[in-house]
Structures are given as C-alpha cells and as structure tokens.
Amino acid sequence: MSGRPPATSRALARAVLERVEASGAFANRALSAALDRAPEMGAAERGLATELVYGVLRRQARLDRAL
C-alpha cells in the first residue's frame, strides 16, 4: 500500500489482503501499518477491517475451493 490510505474499512482490508498475497507480508504487521496510516478511521470501521482481513485469511482454503 502506498499513497493515501483507503477511505473505507473494506478498501483497507482489500489492500492489506492484496499485500499479504502479493508480497507474503505478515497479516498482523500489514494490518497494523495500514490502520496506523488511517487515524481518521473510527473504531467500528477499524474493527470491521480487522475482522475482514482475519476472517478471509481464516477461511482462505474454503474460499479457494469454492471459487
């Protein structure tokens, strides 16, 4: 991720997941860095981004099979 931070929790989660997939980044570090770059994001939005990232990674094998 570079430049402006994503404006929504969904965009932030997508950017973090892309970084994890493309460069093998550790999800916890990539998510923490992305959230640090988005201080204006409220607690609920931050929580949603966190759940989206970790939820997708937890269910990645099932999602891959389904797709």
C-alpha atoms as a PDB file:
ATOM      1  CA  MET A   1       0.000   0.000   0.000  1.00  0.00           C
ATOM      2  CA  SER A   2       1.273   3.420  -0.823  1.00  0.00           C
ATOM      3  CA  GLY A   3      -0.032   6.953  -1.059  1.00  0.00           C
ATOM      4  CA  ARG A   4      -3.292   7.865   0.597  1.00  0.00           C
ATOM      5  CA  PRO A   5      -4.783   5.299   2.942  1.00  0.00           C
ATOM      6  CA  PRO A   6      -8.015   3.671   1.788  1.00  0.00           C
ATOM      7  CA  ALA A   7     -11.133   5.614   2.769  1.00  0.00           C
ATOM      8  CA  THR A   8     -13.235   2.676   3.971  1.00  0.00           C
ATOM      9  CA  SER A   9     -12.677  -0.399   6.073  1.00  0.00           C
ATOM     10  CA  ARG A  10     -13.452  -2.608   3.097  1.00  0.00           C
ATOM     11  CA  ALA A  11     -10.895  -0.856   0.898  1.00  0.00           C
ATOM     12  CA  LEU A  12      -8.309  -1.036   3.663  1.00  0.00           C
ATOM     13  CA  ALA A  13      -8.948  -4.760   4.175  1.00  0.00           C
ATOM     14  CA  ARG A  14      -8.681  -5.376   0.438  1.00  0.00           C
ATOM     15  CA  ALA A  15      -5.375  -3.504   0.241  1.00  0.00           C
ATOM     16  CA  VAL A  16      -3.969  -5.447   3.203  1.00  0.00           C
ATOM     17  CA  LEU A  17      -5.075  -8.785   1.712  1.00  0.00           C
ATOM     18  CA  GLU A  18      -3.512  -7.847  -1.625  1.00  0.00           C
ATOM     19  CA  ARG A  19      -0.244  -7.007   0.130  1.00  0.00           C
ATOM     20  CA  VAL A  20      -0.276 -10.300   2.051  1.00  0.00           C
ATOM     21  CA  GLU A  21      -0.969 -12.266  -1.143  1.00  0.00           C
ATOM     22  CA  ALA A  22       1.443 -10.407  -3.419  1.00  0.00           C
ATOM     23  CA  SER A  23       4.449  -9.989  -1.161  1.00  0.00           C
ATOM     24  CA  GLY A  24       3.946 -12.565   1.553  1.00  0.00           C
ATOM     25  CA  ALA A  25       3.679  -9.866   4.211  1.00  0.00           C
ATOM     26  CA  PHE A  26       2.638 -10.880   7.698  1.00  0.00           C
ATOM     27  CA  ALA A  27      -1.049 -10.025   8.018  1.00  0.00           C
ATOM     28  CA  ASN A  28      -0.799  -8.618  11.535  1.00  0.00           C
ATOM     29  CA  ARG A  29       2.003  -6.249  10.597  1.00  0.00           C
ATOM     30  CA  ALA A  30       0.434  -5.184   7.301  1.00  0.00           C
ATOM     31  CA  LEU A  31      -2.907  -4.537   9.002  1.00  0.00           C
ATOM     32  CA  SER A  32      -1.315  -2.614  11.861  1.00  0.00           C
ATOM     33  CA  ALA A  33       0.645  -0.428   9.444  1.00  0.00           C
ATOM     34  CA  ALA A  34      -2.454   0.242   7.334  1.00  0.00           C
ATOM     35  CA  LEU A  35      -4.504   1.176  10.402  1.00  0.00           C
ATOM     36  CA  ASP A  36      -1.697   3.459  11.606  1.00  0.00           C
ATOM     37  CA  ARG A  37      -1.902   5.287   8.271  1.00  0.00           C
ATOM     38  CA  ALA A  38      -5.660   5.793   8.706  1.00  0.00           C
ATOM     39  CA  PRO A  39      -6.002   7.576  12.073  1.00  0.00           C
ATOM     40  CA  GLU A  40      -9.266   9.226  10.991  1.00  0.00           C
ATOM     41  CA  MET A  41     -10.980   5.836  10.683  1.00  0.00           C
ATOM     42  CA  GLY A  42     -13.383   5.243  13.555  1.00  0.00           C
ATOM     43  CA  ALA A  43     -13.277   2.312  15.944  1.00  0.00           C
ATOM     44  CA  ALA A  44     -16.150   0.479  14.245  1.00  0.00           C
ATOM     45  CA  GLU A  45     -14.517   0.815  10.823  1.00  0.00           C
ATOM     46  CA  ARG A  46     -11.165  -0.338  12.221  1.00  0.00           C
ATOM     47  CA  GLY A  47     -12.866  -3.332  13.804  1.00  0.00           C
ATOM     48  CA  LEU A  48     -14.602  -4.226  10.553  1.00  0.00           C
ATOM     49  CA  ALA A  49     -11.329  -4.013   8.615  1.00  0.00           C
ATOM     50  CA  THR A  50      -9.660  -6.271  11.171  1.00  0.00           C
ATOM     51  CA  GLU A  51     -12.477  -8.828  11.026  1.00  0.00           C
ATOM     52  CA  LEU A  52     -12.490  -8.808   7.231  1.00  0.00           C
ATOM     53  CA  VAL A  53      -8.735  -9.406   6.986  1.00  0.00           C
ATOM     54  CA  TYR A  54      -8.540 -12.140   9.604  1.00  0.00           C
ATOM     55  CA  GLY A  55     -11.838 -13.708   8.542  1.00  0.00           C
ATOM     56  CA  VAL A  56     -10.731 -14.043   4.919  1.00  0.00           C
ATOM     57  CA  LEU A  57      -7.379 -15.487   5.969  1.00  0.00           C
ATOM     58  CA  ARG A  58      -9.044 -17.949   8.370  1.00  0.00           C
ATOM     59  CA  ARG A  59     -11.338 -19.173   5.613  1.00  0.00           C
ATOM     60  CA  GLN A  60      -8.914 -18.902   2.710  1.00  0.00           C
ATOM     61  CA  ALA A  61      -8.798 -22.617   1.861  1.00  0.00           C
ATOM     62  CA  ARG A  62     -12.595 -22.886   1.880  1.00  0.00           C
ATOM     63  CA  LEU A  63     -12.917 -19.755  -0.248  1.00  0.00           C
ATOM     64  CA  ASP A  64     -10.318 -21.043  -2.718  1.00  0.00           C
ATOM     65  CA  ARG A  65     -12.203 -24.338  -3.083  1.00  0.00           C
ATOM     66  CA  ALA A  66     -15.498 -22.508  -3.610  1.00  0.00           C
ATOM     67  CA  LEU A  67     -14.043 -20.293  -6.300  1.00  0.00           C
END
